[in-house]
Amino acid sequence: DVVTGQLRVQLQGTCWATSVRFSPDDRMVLCGSWSPKATLWDLRTQRCERTFVGHEEDVNHAEFAPPDGRRVVTASDDFTLKVWDAGTAAELTTLHGHWAPVTCCAVSGSLAVSCSLDSTARTWQLPPL
């Protein structure tokens, strides 16, 4: 709480989080982690609601796709990005092209941009949901 300085929620079991993002409605938190998965947490219940499993290495970054957050994009040490259905955690597609770990990504509408240790930034067209 920014007024009192008191801790409001503590999520247990986030696997050494590497990134964290609020959902567009501020009810959920998406975490990347030093594991091959990302997790979606409900702030009210403090429970993990969905786990995005499919990368072969650590997930360095996880991001909601605006405007409604119905898709999630993850960036991984396995040199790929993955696009997921946020409601079901189903993998929609894997984006290949980097030849080194992907460190972060950003999403705007139907476009994503990724940065990698291969010294490139790449843009991607996201599949429709």
Protein backbone atom coordinates (compact mmCIF):
# COMPACT_ATOMS: atom_id res chain seq x y z
CA ASP A 1 0.00 0.00 0.00
CA VAL A 2 1.67 3.25 -1.09
CA VAL A 3 -0.10 5.29 1.59
CA THR A 4 0.80 3.14 4.60
CA GLY A 5 3.88 1.39 3.24
CA GLN A 6 2.40 -1.96 4.25
CA LEU A 7 2.82 -5.12 2.18
CA ARG A 8 -0.53 -6.02 0.57
CA VAL A 9 0.13 -9.35 -1.17
CA GLN A 10 2.99 -11.83 -1.18
CA LEU A 11 2.93 -14.51 -3.87
CA GLN A 12 4.63 -17.75 -2.85
CA GLY A 13 6.23 -20.07 -5.39
CA THR A 14 7.11 -17.70 -8.23
CA CYS A 15 10.36 -19.60 -9.04
CA TRP A 16 12.80 -16.69 -8.81
CA ALA A 17 10.84 -14.22 -10.90
CA THR A 18 12.68 -12.51 -13.77
CA SER A 19 9.82 -10.24 -14.82
CA VAL A 20 6.42 -9.20 -13.54
CA ARG A 21 3.49 -7.47 -15.27
CA PHE A 22 -0.01 -6.46 -14.20
CA SER A 23 -2.90 -7.61 -16.36
CA PRO A 24 -4.84 -4.79 -18.09
CA ASP A 25 -7.56 -5.04 -15.41
CA ASP A 26 -4.98 -5.07 -12.55
CA ARG A 27 -6.45 -8.29 -11.10
CA MET A 28 -3.68 -10.66 -12.20
CA VAL A 29 0.12 -10.68 -12.25
CA LEU A 30 2.18 -12.44 -14.92
CA CYS A 31 5.65 -13.65 -13.91
CA GLY A 32 8.56 -14.88 -15.97
CA SER A 33 11.05 -16.98 -14.02
CA TRP A 34 14.34 -18.79 -13.86
CA SER A 35 12.51 -21.87 -15.06
CA PRO A 36 11.02 -22.88 -18.43
CA LYS A 37 7.58 -21.55 -17.47
CA ALA A 38 5.65 -18.37 -16.81
CA THR A 39 2.88 -18.13 -14.24
CA LEU A 40 -0.31 -16.10 -13.94
CA TRP A 41 -1.36 -15.17 -10.39
CA ASP A 42 -4.70 -13.93 -9.07
CA LEU A 43 -3.99 -11.07 -6.66
CA ARG A 44 -7.25 -11.56 -4.74
CA THR A 45 -6.80 -15.28 -4.02
CA GLN A 46 -2.97 -15.22 -4.16
CA ARG A 47 -3.10 -18.44 -6.19
CA CYS A 48 -1.43 -19.43 -9.41
CA GLU A 49 -4.28 -19.60 -11.93
CA ARG A 50 -2.35 -20.70 -15.02
CA THR A 51 1.09 -21.96 -15.92
CA PHE A 52 2.52 -21.44 -19.40
CA VAL A 53 4.69 -24.49 -20.08
CA GLY A 54 6.57 -25.12 -23.32
CA HIS A 55 9.94 -23.37 -23.31
CA GLU A 56 13.07 -25.49 -23.00
CA GLU A 57 15.02 -22.90 -20.96
CA ASP A 58 14.35 -20.04 -18.52
CA VAL A 59 11.67 -17.46 -19.31
CA ASN A 60 13.40 -14.09 -19.11
CA HIS A 61 10.37 -11.95 -19.78
CA ALA A 62 6.59 -12.28 -19.99
CA GLU A 63 4.22 -9.65 -21.34
CA PHE A 64 0.47 -9.22 -21.86
CA ALA A 65 -0.61 -8.26 -25.38
CA PRO A 66 -2.72 -5.09 -25.31
CA PRO A 67 -5.36 -3.92 -25.35
CA ASP A 68 -7.22 -6.69 -23.51
CA GLY A 69 -4.42 -9.02 -22.38
CA ARG A 70 -6.00 -12.08 -24.00
CA ARG A 71 -2.59 -13.14 -25.31
CA VAL A 72 0.72 -13.51 -23.50
CA VAL A 73 4.18 -13.35 -25.09
CA THR A 74 7.20 -14.93 -23.41
CA ALA A 75 10.91 -14.53 -24.21
CA SER A 76 13.34 -17.31 -23.34
CA ASP A 77 16.91 -18.48 -23.11
CA ASP A 78 15.91 -21.17 -25.66
CA PHE A 79 16.25 -18.43 -28.38
CA THR A 80 12.46 -18.23 -28.95
CA LEU A 81 9.36 -16.27 -28.14
CA LYS A 82 6.08 -18.02 -27.56
CA VAL A 83 2.58 -16.64 -27.90
CA TRP A 84 -0.10 -18.03 -25.57
CA ASP A 85 -3.83 -17.78 -24.99
CA ALA A 86 -3.96 -16.05 -21.59
CA GLY A 87 -7.31 -17.63 -20.74
CA THR A 88 -6.30 -21.25 -21.30
CA ALA A 89 -2.47 -21.17 -21.27
CA ALA A 90 -2.56 -22.91 -24.66
CA GLU A 91 0.46 -22.24 -26.84
CA LEU A 92 -0.57 -20.44 -30.05
CA THR A 93 2.80 -20.29 -31.81
CA THR A 94 6.57 -20.26 -31.38
CA LEU A 95 8.58 -17.47 -32.99
CA HIS A 96 12.04 -18.58 -34.20
CA GLY A 97 14.77 -16.31 -35.54
CA HIS A 98 17.19 -15.35 -32.78
CA TRP A 99 20.40 -17.35 -32.40
CA ALA A 100 21.00 -16.45 -28.75
CA PRO A 101 18.83 -16.05 -25.62
CA VAL A 102 15.93 -13.62 -25.94
CA THR A 103 16.16 -11.21 -23.03
CA CYS A 104 12.97 -9.16 -23.32
CA CYS A 105 9.95 -8.34 -25.43
CA ALA A 106 7.28 -5.67 -25.77
CA VAL A 107 3.87 -5.89 -27.41
CA SER A 108 1.77 -3.24 -29.12
CA GLY A 109 -1.46 -4.40 -30.71
CA SER A 110 -0.63 -7.22 -33.11
CA LEU A 111 3.13 -6.53 -33.14
CA ALA A 112 5.85 -7.73 -30.79
CA VAL A 113 9.47 -6.67 -30.60
CA SER A 114 12.17 -8.81 -29.02
CA CYS A 115 15.77 -8.18 -27.98
CA SER A 116 18.39 -10.88 -27.81
CA LEU A 117 21.97 -11.51 -26.81
CA ASP A 118 22.57 -12.01 -30.56
CA SER A 119 22.68 -8.16 -30.66
CA THR A 120 19.43 -7.84 -32.62
CA ALA A 121 15.95 -6.50 -32.02
CA ARG A 122 13.29 -8.17 -34.16
CA THR A 123 9.66 -7.36 -34.83
CA TRP A 124 6.99 -10.02 -35.19
CA GLN A 125 3.39 -10.19 -36.37
CA LEU A 126 1.34 -11.94 -33.68
CA PRO A 127 -1.28 -14.51 -34.64
CA PRO A 128 -4.92 -13.64 -34.02
CA LEU A 129 -6.65 -15.15 -31.03
